Amino acid sequence: MSSFQGKTLSYSLADEIFELRLHRQPCNEIGSLALNELEGFVQELEEQAVRAKALVVFSSIEAGFSAGADLRELFSGLQSRGQAERNTGVRDFLERIHRVFNRIDQIPVTTVAAVHGVVFGGGFELALTCDMIVADRTARFCFPELRLGLIPGFGGIPRLKRDLGNALVRDLLLTGRSINAGKAAAAGLVSQLVAPGHALRAARGIAGQATKFDSRAAREAKRFIKPIPHRELEREIETFCALFDRPEVEAALRKFVESSQVQPYLP
């Protein structure tokens, strides 16, 4: 059995199934520490891929799966660095997170995200790297980056277009609103909709089913139906960086950081 207990996530491998648990309060924000631990996880996942047939990604935080990027860390970087340095830092972070998410996306095992509550921004994008999303009825999906004057930066646009086409992409990106689990299931984003608190159990059931069959066939099927949209992912980074270097974005981040709301990322 392979296992790791980190500050933002933990993972283990048993009975041919990897489980990645997110557990950083308040809602699994993805910052530099989480990225470091995700890089370690994908390295282990790739090394153990011959022993694994499935991966389940889930959160043990009550608020939800993930609120996305750590905006407080992002704002702090804006304040502490010069313009050239902070632009380089943002690009470096995006390129690293893209490499991690691409590796999860293409890993030759069946991957399932079990989500509940908040599935926003970078957390939504992490779920989109998985082959299937199982959601309980509390789940809400959103790209709130529009409110900051940005677009999603962790690969969300190309992956959502790959999986669903442009209609839902336009709705989410141009309105900034969230959709509930029922609408997500009706659109084909969610493969299984379950009662509150049952997403992880259902995802584990899917993972267990995946271990019963020949892994070579599953790998070839995944390669055929789930190509990585590399060119569009690169364009997304360029667009995000161009938008990021504006005073409007800094002002929006400041408003978020100074908010007295418990969960200012909620719509």
C-alpha atoms as a PDB file:
ATOM      1  CA  MET A   1       0.000   0.000   0.000  1.00  0.00           C
ATOM      2  CA  SER A   2       1.273   3.486  -0.956  1.00  0.00           C
ATOM      3  CA  SER A   3       0.147   6.449   1.153  1.00  0.00           C
ATOM      4  CA  PHE A   4       0.905  10.086   1.980  1.00  0.00           C
ATOM      5  CA  GLN A   5      -0.476  12.527   4.564  1.00  0.00           C
ATOM      6  CA  GLY A   6       0.093  16.169   3.664  1.00  0.00           C
ATOM      7  CA  LYS A   7      -1.097  19.557   4.842  1.00  0.00           C
ATOM      8  CA  THR A   8      -3.556  20.085   1.980  1.00  0.00           C
ATOM      9  CA  LEU A   9      -4.177  16.567   0.683  1.00  0.00           C
ATOM     10  CA  SER A  10      -3.641  12.895   1.378  1.00  0.00           C
ATOM     11  CA  TYR A  11      -3.584   9.854  -0.845  1.00  0.00           C
ATOM     12  CA  SER A  12      -3.441   6.103  -0.613  1.00  0.00           C
ATOM     13  CA  LEU A  13      -3.413   3.081  -2.903  1.00  0.00           C
ATOM     14  CA  ALA A  14      -5.191  -0.136  -1.974  1.00  0.00           C
ATOM     15  CA  ASP A  15      -6.892  -2.889  -3.982  1.00  0.00           C
ATOM     16  CA  GLU A  16      -5.886  -1.235  -7.298  1.00  0.00           C
ATOM     17  CA  ILE A  17      -7.656   2.024  -6.403  1.00  0.00           C
ATOM     18  CA  PHE A  18      -5.917   5.334  -5.647  1.00  0.00           C
ATOM     19  CA  GLU A  19      -7.812   7.777  -3.457  1.00  0.00           C
ATOM     20  CA  LEU A  20      -6.885  11.469  -3.325  1.00  0.00           C
ATOM     21  CA  ARG A  21      -8.467  13.316  -0.397  1.00  0.00           C
ATOM     22  CA  LEU A  22      -8.491  17.125  -0.256  1.00  0.00           C
ATOM     23  CA  HIS A  23      -8.568  18.504   3.280  1.00  0.00           C
ATOM     24  CA  ARG A  24      -7.347  22.092   3.474  1.00  0.00           C
ATOM     25  CA  GLN A  25      -9.622  24.490   5.369  1.00  0.00           C
ATOM     26  CA  PRO A  26     -11.684  26.480   4.645  1.00  0.00           C
ATOM     27  CA  CYS A  27     -12.517  24.963   1.228  1.00  0.00           C
ATOM     28  CA  ASN A  28      -9.449  23.382  -0.411  1.00  0.00           C
ATOM     29  CA  GLU A  29      -8.089  26.564  -1.983  1.00  0.00           C
ATOM     30  CA  ILE A  30      -5.287  25.721  -4.403  1.00  0.00           C
ATOM     31  CA  GLY A  31      -2.135  27.707  -3.670  1.00  0.00           C
ATOM     32  CA  SER A  32       1.585  27.020  -3.748  1.00  0.00           C
ATOM     33  CA  LEU A  33       1.525  24.422  -0.975  1.00  0.00           C
ATOM     34  CA  ALA A  34      -1.361  22.513  -2.550  1.00  0.00           C
ATOM     35  CA  LEU A  35       0.398  22.666  -5.916  1.00  0.00           C
ATOM     36  CA  ASN A  36       3.603  21.260  -4.413  1.00  0.00           C
ATOM     37  CA  GLU A  37       1.664  18.366  -2.905  1.00  0.00           C
ATOM     38  CA  LEU A  38      -0.296  17.779  -6.113  1.00  0.00           C
ATOM     39  CA  GLU A  39       2.988  17.541  -8.016  1.00  0.00           C
ATOM     40  CA  GLY A  40       4.166  14.888  -5.572  1.00  0.00           C
ATOM     41  CA  PHE A  41       0.876  13.056  -5.940  1.00  0.00           C
ATOM     42  CA  VAL A  42       0.944  12.859  -9.748  1.00  0.00           C
ATOM     43  CA  GLN A  43       4.526  11.623  -9.622  1.00  0.00           C
ATOM     44  CA  GLU A  44       3.462   8.803  -7.306  1.00  0.00           C
ATOM     45  CA  LEU A  45       0.331   8.144  -9.370  1.00  0.00           C
ATOM     46  CA  GLU A  46       2.374   7.713 -12.541  1.00  0.00           C
ATOM     47  CA  GLU A  47       4.932   5.494 -10.827  1.00  0.00           C
ATOM     48  CA  GLN A  48       2.183   3.279  -9.407  1.00  0.00           C
ATOM     49  CA  ALA A  49      -0.041   3.269 -12.512  1.00  0.00           C
ATOM     50  CA  VAL A  50       0.866  -0.352 -13.244  1.00  0.00           C
ATOM     51  CA  ARG A  51      -0.643  -1.303  -9.862  1.00  0.00           C
ATOM     52  CA  ALA A  52      -3.725   0.921 -10.098  1.00  0.00           C
ATOM     53  CA  LYS A  53      -6.819   0.725 -12.278  1.00  0.00           C
ATOM     54  CA  ALA A  54      -8.797   3.629 -10.845  1.00  0.00           C
ATOM     55  CA  LEU A  55      -8.510   6.961  -9.025  1.00  0.00           C
ATOM     56  CA  VAL A  56     -11.118   8.650  -6.824  1.00  0.00           C
ATOM     57  CA  VAL A  57     -10.701  12.348  -5.972  1.00  0.00           C
ATOM     58  CA  PHE A  58     -12.814  13.765  -3.144  1.00  0.00           C
ATOM     59  CA  SER A  59     -12.949  16.328  -0.337  1.00  0.00           C
ATOM     60  CA  SER A  60     -13.400  15.781   3.377  1.00  0.00           C
ATOM     61  CA  ILE A  61     -14.205  19.482   3.912  1.00  0.00           C
ATOM     62  CA  GLU A  62     -17.871  20.120   4.701  1.00  0.00           C
ATOM     63  CA  ALA A  63     -18.060  23.313   2.604  1.00  0.00           C
ATOM     64  CA  GLY A  64     -17.416  21.459  -0.622  1.00  0.00           C
ATOM     65  CA  PHE A  65     -14.982  19.995  -3.104  1.00  0.00           C
ATOM     66  CA  SER A  66     -12.884  23.122  -3.698  1.00  0.00           C
ATOM     67  CA  ALA A  67     -13.369  26.883  -3.934  1.00  0.00           C
ATOM     68  CA  GLY A  68     -10.540  27.090  -6.483  1.00  0.00           C
ATOM     69  CA  ALA A  69      -7.356  29.144  -6.545  1.00  0.00           C
ATOM     70  CA  ASP A  70      -6.029  30.674  -3.325  1.00  0.00           C
ATOM     71  CA  LEU A  71      -6.945  34.276  -4.111  1.00  0.00           C
ATOM     72  CA  ARG A  72      -5.481  35.622  -0.880  1.00  0.00           C
ATOM     73  CA  GLU A  73      -2.101  34.164  -1.802  1.00  0.00           C
ATOM     74  CA  LEU A  74      -2.477  35.564  -5.317  1.00  0.00           C
ATOM     75  CA  PHE A  75      -3.237  39.049  -3.960  1.00  0.00           C
ATOM     76  CA  SER A  76      -0.330  38.850  -1.512  1.00  0.00           C
ATOM     77  CA  GLY A  77       1.978  38.097  -4.433  1.00  0.00           C
ATOM     78  CA  LEU A  78       0.697  41.179  -6.227  1.00  0.00           C
ATOM     79  CA  GLN A  79       1.531  43.348  -3.244  1.00  0.00           C
ATOM     80  CA  SER A  80       4.983  41.959  -2.516  1.00  0.00           C
ATOM     81  CA  ARG A  81       6.490  41.780  -6.015  1.00  0.00           C
ATOM     82  CA  GLY A  82       7.349  44.166  -8.811  1.00  0.00           C
ATOM     83  CA  GLN A  83       5.275  44.010 -11.995  1.00  0.00           C
ATOM     84  CA  ALA A  84       7.731  41.921 -14.026  1.00  0.00           C
ATOM     85  CA  GLU A  85       8.327  39.510 -11.152  1.00  0.00           C
ATOM     86  CA  ARG A  86       4.651  39.006 -10.368  1.00  0.00           C
ATOM     87  CA  ASN A  87       3.781  38.398 -14.023  1.00  0.00           C
ATOM     88  CA  THR A  88       6.521  35.773 -14.207  1.00  0.00           C
ATOM     89  CA  GLY A  89       5.257  34.236 -10.974  1.00  0.00           C
ATOM     90  CA  VAL A  90       1.668  33.950 -12.221  1.00  0.00           C
ATOM     91  CA  ARG A  91       2.750  32.406 -15.519  1.00  0.00           C
ATOM     92  CA  ASP A  92       5.026  29.923 -13.737  1.00  0.00           C
ATOM     93  CA  PHE A  93       2.192  28.882 -11.402  1.00  0.00           C
ATOM     94  CA  LEU A  94      -0.234  28.415 -14.294  1.00  0.00           C
ATOM     95  CA  GLU A  95       2.237  26.374 -16.313  1.00  0.00           C
ATOM     96  CA  ARG A  96       2.915  24.126 -13.310  1.00  0.00           C
ATOM     97  CA  ILE A  97      -0.780  23.584 -12.538  1.00  0.00           C
ATOM     98  CA  HIS A  98      -1.458  22.848 -16.207  1.00  0.00           C
ATOM     99  CA  ARG A  99       1.272  20.197 -16.214  1.00  0.00           C
ATOM    100  CA  VAL A 100      -0.241  18.573 -13.110  1.00  0.00           C
ATOM    101  CA  PHE A 101      -3.806  18.670 -14.446  1.00  0.00           C
ATOM    102  CA  ASN A 102      -2.730  17.354 -17.861  1.00  0.00           C
ATOM    103  CA  ARG A 103      -1.009  14.415 -16.190  1.00  0.00           C
ATOM    104  CA  ILE A 104      -4.145  13.580 -14.196  1.00  0.00           C
ATOM    105  CA  ASP A 105      -6.250  14.005 -17.337  1.00  0.00           C
ATOM    106  CA  GLN A 106      -4.198  11.515 -19.365  1.00  0.00           C
ATOM    107  CA  ILE A 107      -3.217   9.001 -16.668  1.00  0.00           C
ATOM    108  CA  PRO A 108      -4.087   5.513 -18.016  1.00  0.00           C
ATOM    109  CA  VAL A 109      -6.513   4.646 -15.211  1.00  0.00           C
ATOM    110  CA  THR A 110     -10.224   5.381 -14.762  1.00  0.00           C
ATOM    111  CA  THR A 111     -10.591   8.606 -12.763  1.00  0.00           C
ATOM    112  CA  VAL A 112     -13.681   9.717 -10.834  1.00  0.00           C
ATOM    113  CA  ALA A 113     -14.288  12.991  -8.971  1.00  0.00           C
ATOM    114  CA  ALA A 114     -16.783  12.771  -6.080  1.00  0.00           C
ATOM    115  CA  VAL A 115     -18.040  16.309  -5.465  1.00  0.00           C
ATOM    116  CA  HIS A 116     -20.365  18.143  -3.116  1.00  0.00           C
ATOM    117  CA  GLY A 117     -21.026  21.719  -2.103  1.00  0.00           C
ATOM    118  CA  VAL A 118     -18.726  24.312  -3.667  1.00  0.00           C
ATOM    119  CA  VAL A 119     -17.115  23.191  -6.953  1.00  0.00           C
ATOM    120  CA  PHE A 120     -15.765  26.540  -8.114  1.00  0.00           C
ATOM    121  CA  GLY A 121     -12.962  27.865 -10.270  1.00  0.00           C
ATOM    122  CA  GLY A 122      -9.820  25.768 -10.009  1.00  0.00           C
ATOM    123  CA  GLY A 123     -11.727  23.122  -8.050  1.00  0.00           C
ATOM    124  CA  PHE A 124     -14.183  22.793 -10.930  1.00  0.00           C
ATOM    125  CA  GLU A 125     -11.198  22.569 -13.269  1.00  0.00           C
ATOM    126  CA  LEU A 126      -9.658  19.770 -11.189  1.00  0.00           C
ATOM    127  CA  ALA A 127     -12.926  17.829 -11.375  1.00  0.00           C
ATOM    128  CA  LEU A 128     -12.928  18.306 -15.163  1.00  0.00           C
ATOM    129  CA  THR A 129      -9.613  16.464 -15.451  1.00  0.00           C
ATOM    130  CA  CYS A 130     -11.367  13.305 -14.277  1.00  0.00           C
ATOM    131  CA  ASP A 131     -13.119  10.870 -16.609  1.00  0.00           C
ATOM    132  CA  MET A 132     -16.363  11.096 -14.633  1.00  0.00           C
ATOM    133  CA  ILE A 133     -17.908  13.402 -12.044  1.00  0.00           C
ATOM    134  CA  VAL A 134     -20.258  12.016  -9.406  1.00  0.00           C
ATOM    135  CA  ALA A 135     -22.127  14.794  -7.604  1.00  0.00           C
ATOM    136  CA  ASP A 136     -24.455  14.887  -4.665  1.00  0.00           C
ATOM    137  CA  ARG A 137     -27.384  17.286  -4.829  1.00  0.00           C
ATOM    138  CA  THR A 138     -25.616  19.954  -2.754  1.00  0.00           C
ATOM    139  CA  ALA A 139     -22.994  20.520  -5.471  1.00  0.00           C
ATOM    140  CA  ARG A 140     -22.834  23.832  -7.312  1.00  0.00           C
ATOM    141  CA  PHE A 141     -20.514  24.483 -10.253  1.00  0.00           C
ATOM    142  CA  CYS A 142     -19.201  27.930 -11.122  1.00  0.00           C
ATOM    143  CA  PHE A 143     -16.382  29.872 -12.763  1.00  0.00           C
ATOM    144  CA  PRO A 144     -16.362  33.014 -10.565  1.00  0.00           C
ATOM    145  CA  GLU A 145     -13.240  34.397 -12.256  1.00  0.00           C
ATOM    146  CA  LEU A 146     -15.430  36.721 -14.342  1.00  0.00           C
ATOM    147  CA  ARG A 147     -16.106  38.744 -11.183  1.00  0.00           C
ATOM    148  CA  LEU A 148     -12.362  39.354 -10.883  1.00  0.00           C
ATOM    149  CA  GLY A 149     -11.945  40.428 -14.505  1.00  0.00           C
ATOM    150  CA  LEU A 150     -10.328  37.108 -15.402  1.00  0.00           C
ATOM    151  CA  ILE A 151     -11.054  33.827 -17.149  1.00  0.00           C
ATOM    152  CA  PRO A 152     -10.439  30.369 -15.662  1.00  0.00           C
ATOM    153  CA  GLY A 153      -6.715  29.648 -15.727  1.00  0.00           C
ATOM    154  CA  PHE A 154      -6.337  25.988 -14.764  1.00  0.00           C
ATOM    155  CA  GLY A 155      -7.632  24.527 -18.043  1.00  0.00           C
ATOM    156  CA  GLY A 156     -11.370  24.816 -17.499  1.00  0.00           C
ATOM    157  CA  ILE A 157     -12.410  26.360 -20.811  1.00  0.00           C
ATOM    158  CA  PRO A 158     -10.759  23.833 -23.163  1.00  0.00           C
ATOM    159  CA  ARG A 159     -11.822  20.861 -21.033  1.00  0.00           C
ATOM    160  CA  LEU A 160     -15.423  21.990 -20.734  1.00  0.00           C
ATOM    161  CA  LYS A 161     -15.557  22.631 -24.482  1.00  0.00           C
ATOM    162  CA  ARG A 162     -14.072  19.193 -25.113  1.00  0.00           C
ATOM    163  CA  ASP A 163     -16.621  17.474 -22.918  1.00  0.00           C
ATOM    164  CA  LEU A 164     -19.792  19.507 -23.505  1.00  0.00           C
ATOM    165  CA  GLY A 165     -19.396  22.023 -26.303  1.00  0.00           C
ATOM    166  CA  ASN A 166     -19.853  25.779 -26.173  1.00  0.00           C
ATOM    167  CA  ALA A 167     -23.378  26.303 -24.852  1.00  0.00           C
ATOM    168  CA  LEU A 168     -22.677  25.639 -21.179  1.00  0.00           C
ATOM    169  CA  VAL A 169     -19.230  27.236 -21.473  1.00  0.00           C
ATOM    170  CA  ARG A 170     -20.813  30.508 -22.618  1.00  0.00           C
ATOM    171  CA  ASP A 171     -23.406  30.394 -19.860  1.00  0.00           C
ATOM    172  CA  LEU A 172     -20.831  29.879 -17.116  1.00  0.00           C
ATOM    173  CA  LEU A 173     -18.177  32.242 -18.463  1.00  0.00           C
ATOM    174  CA  LEU A 174     -20.333  35.132 -19.587  1.00  0.00           C
ATOM    175  CA  THR A 175     -22.683  35.249 -16.600  1.00  0.00           C
ATOM    176  CA  GLY A 176     -20.416  34.149 -13.737  1.00  0.00           C
ATOM    177  CA  ARG A 177     -23.373  32.366 -12.181  1.00  0.00           C
ATOM    178  CA  SER A 178     -23.391  28.888 -10.704  1.00  0.00           C
ATOM    179  CA  ILE A 179     -25.436  25.889 -11.763  1.00  0.00           C
ATOM    180  CA  ASN A 180     -26.758  23.219  -9.457  1.00  0.00           C
ATOM    181  CA  ALA A 181     -26.048  19.512  -9.624  1.00  0.00           C
ATOM    182  CA  GLY A 182     -29.352  18.754 -11.320  1.00  0.00           C
ATOM    183  CA  LYS A 183     -28.665  21.111 -14.212  1.00  0.00           C
ATOM    184  CA  ALA A 184     -25.088  19.839 -14.444  1.00  0.00           C
ATOM    185  CA  ALA A 185     -26.379  16.275 -14.734  1.00  0.00           C
ATOM    186  CA  ALA A 186     -28.952  17.261 -17.360  1.00  0.00           C
ATOM    187  CA  ALA A 187     -26.188  18.924 -19.420  1.00  0.00           C
ATOM    188  CA  GLY A 188     -24.015  15.822 -19.262  1.00  0.00           C
ATOM    189  CA  LEU A 189     -21.362  17.313 -16.998  1.00  0.00           C
ATOM    190  CA  VAL A 190     -22.213  14.941 -14.153  1.00  0.00           C
ATOM    191  CA  SER A 191     -22.375  11.215 -14.873  1.00  0.00           C
ATOM    192  CA  GLN A 192     -24.192  10.279 -11.667  1.00  0.00           C
ATOM    193  CA  LEU A 193     -26.352  12.374  -9.331  1.00  0.00           C
ATOM    194  CA  VAL A 194     -26.843  11.076  -5.792  1.00  0.00           C
ATOM    195  CA  ALA A 195     -28.337  12.093  -2.465  1.00  0.00           C
ATOM    196  CA  PRO A 196     -26.353  14.422  -0.184  1.00  0.00           C
ATOM    197  CA  GLY A 197     -23.421  12.648   1.431  1.00  0.00           C
ATOM    198  CA  HIS A 198     -23.386   9.719  -1.008  1.00  0.00           C
ATOM    199  CA  ALA A 199     -21.016  10.920  -3.752  1.00  0.00           C
ATOM    200  CA  LEU A 200     -17.907   9.239  -2.383  1.00  0.00           C
ATOM    201  CA  ARG A 201     -19.682   5.906  -1.930  1.00  0.00           C
ATOM    202  CA  ALA A 202     -20.963   6.037  -5.515  1.00  0.00           C
ATOM    203  CA  ALA A 203     -17.543   7.017  -6.870  1.00  0.00           C
ATOM    204  CA  ARG A 204     -15.917   4.143  -5.034  1.00  0.00           C
ATOM    205  CA  GLY A 205     -18.476   1.835  -6.612  1.00  0.00           C
ATOM    206  CA  ILE A 206     -17.515   3.048 -10.082  1.00  0.00           C
ATOM    207  CA  ALA A 207     -13.826   2.655  -9.272  1.00  0.00           C
ATOM    208  CA  GLY A 208     -14.424  -0.871  -8.007  1.00  0.00           C
ATOM    209  CA  GLN A 209     -16.245  -1.723 -11.224  1.00  0.00           C
ATOM    210  CA  ALA A 210     -13.288  -0.425 -13.240  1.00  0.00           C
ATOM    211  CA  THR A 211     -10.927  -2.872 -11.530  1.00  0.00           C
ATOM    212  CA  LYS A 212     -12.862  -5.874 -12.845  1.00  0.00           C
ATOM    213  CA  PHE A 213     -11.889  -5.477 -16.485  1.00  0.00           C
ATOM    214  CA  ASP A 214      -8.839  -5.504 -18.698  1.00  0.00           C
ATOM    215  CA  SER A 215      -6.947  -2.255 -18.124  1.00  0.00           C
ATOM    216  CA  ARG A 216      -5.403  -2.191 -21.616  1.00  0.00           C
ATOM    217  CA  ALA A 217      -8.813  -1.777 -23.249  1.00  0.00           C
ATOM    218  CA  ALA A 218      -9.739   1.016 -20.838  1.00  0.00           C
ATOM    219  CA  ARG A 219      -6.463   2.835 -21.520  1.00  0.00           C
ATOM    220  CA  GLU A 220      -6.942   2.696 -25.290  1.00  0.00           C
ATOM    221  CA  ALA A 221     -10.573   3.812 -25.026  1.00  0.00           C
ATOM    222  CA  LYS A 222      -9.580   6.765 -22.850  1.00  0.00           C
ATOM    223  CA  ARG A 223      -6.847   7.814 -25.269  1.00  0.00           C
ATOM    224  CA  PHE A 224      -9.364   7.720 -28.108  1.00  0.00           C
ATOM    225  CA  ILE A 225     -12.241   9.626 -26.487  1.00  0.00           C
ATOM    226  CA  LYS A 226     -10.358  12.081 -24.253  1.00  0.00           C
ATOM    227  CA  PRO A 227      -7.602  13.931 -26.157  1.00  0.00           C
ATOM    228  CA  ILE A 228      -5.751  16.696 -24.310  1.00  0.00           C
ATOM    229  CA  PRO A 229      -6.510  20.084 -25.991  1.00  0.00           C
ATOM    230  CA  HIS A 230      -2.909  21.301 -25.715  1.00  0.00           C
ATOM    231  CA  ARG A 231      -3.141  24.275 -28.100  1.00  0.00           C
ATOM    232  CA  GLU A 232      -6.233  25.711 -26.424  1.00  0.00           C
ATOM    233  CA  LEU A 233      -4.709  25.164 -22.973  1.00  0.00           C
ATOM    234  CA  GLU A 234      -1.668  27.203 -24.009  1.00  0.00           C
ATOM    235  CA  ARG A 235      -3.941  29.934 -25.355  1.00  0.00           C
ATOM    236  CA  GLU A 236      -5.831  29.988 -22.061  1.00  0.00           C
ATOM    237  CA  ILE A 237      -2.609  30.741 -20.159  1.00  0.00           C
ATOM    238  CA  GLU A 238      -1.771  33.577 -22.557  1.00  0.00           C
ATOM    239  CA  THR A 239      -5.250  35.092 -22.223  1.00  0.00           C
ATOM    240  CA  PHE A 240      -5.248  34.818 -18.422  1.00  0.00           C
ATOM    241  CA  CYS A 241      -1.839  36.512 -18.160  1.00  0.00           C
ATOM    242  CA  ALA A 242      -2.914  39.330 -20.486  1.00  0.00           C
ATOM    243  CA  LEU A 243      -6.026  39.970 -18.380  1.00  0.00           C
ATOM    244  CA  PHE A 244      -4.224  39.611 -15.059  1.00  0.00           C
ATOM    245  CA  ASP A 245      -1.903  42.585 -15.569  1.00  0.00           C
ATOM    246  CA  ARG A 246      -4.620  45.224 -15.085  1.00  0.00           C
ATOM    247  CA  PRO A 247      -5.537  47.483 -12.147  1.00  0.00           C
ATOM    248  CA  GLU A 248      -9.162  46.263 -12.329  1.00  0.00           C
ATOM    249  CA  VAL A 249      -8.043  42.757 -11.381  1.00  0.00           C
ATOM    250  CA  GLU A 250      -5.961  43.993  -8.444  1.00  0.00           C
ATOM    251  CA  ALA A 251      -8.935  46.041  -7.206  1.00  0.00           C
ATOM    252  CA  ALA A 252     -11.270  43.044  -7.461  1.00  0.00           C
ATOM    253  CA  LEU A 253      -8.796  40.830  -5.591  1.00  0.00           C
ATOM    254  CA  ARG A 254      -8.453  43.463  -2.871  1.00  0.00           C
ATOM    255  CA  LYS A 255     -12.239  43.573  -2.464  1.00  0.00           C
ATOM    256  CA  PHE A 256     -12.305  39.773  -2.132  1.00  0.00           C
ATOM    257  CA  VAL A 257      -9.493  39.696   0.431  1.00  0.00           C
ATOM    258  CA  GLU A 258     -11.017  42.481   2.511  1.00  0.00           C
ATOM    259  CA  SER A 259     -14.511  40.980   2.457  1.00  0.00           C
ATOM    260  CA  SER A 260     -16.005  40.156   5.852  1.00  0.00           C
ATOM    261  CA  GLN A 261     -18.133  37.348   4.417  1.00  0.00           C
ATOM    262  CA  VAL A 262     -17.329  33.841   5.620  1.00  0.00           C
ATOM    263  CA  GLN A 263     -17.373  32.498   2.045  1.00  0.00           C
ATOM    264  CA  PRO A 264     -16.961  35.508  -0.286  1.00  0.00           C
ATOM    265  CA  TYR A 265     -16.587  33.217  -3.313  1.00  0.00           C
ATOM    266  CA  LEU A 266     -20.250  32.205  -3.128  1.00  0.00           C
ATOM    267  CA  PRO A 267     -22.669  33.839  -5.617  1.00  0.00           C
END
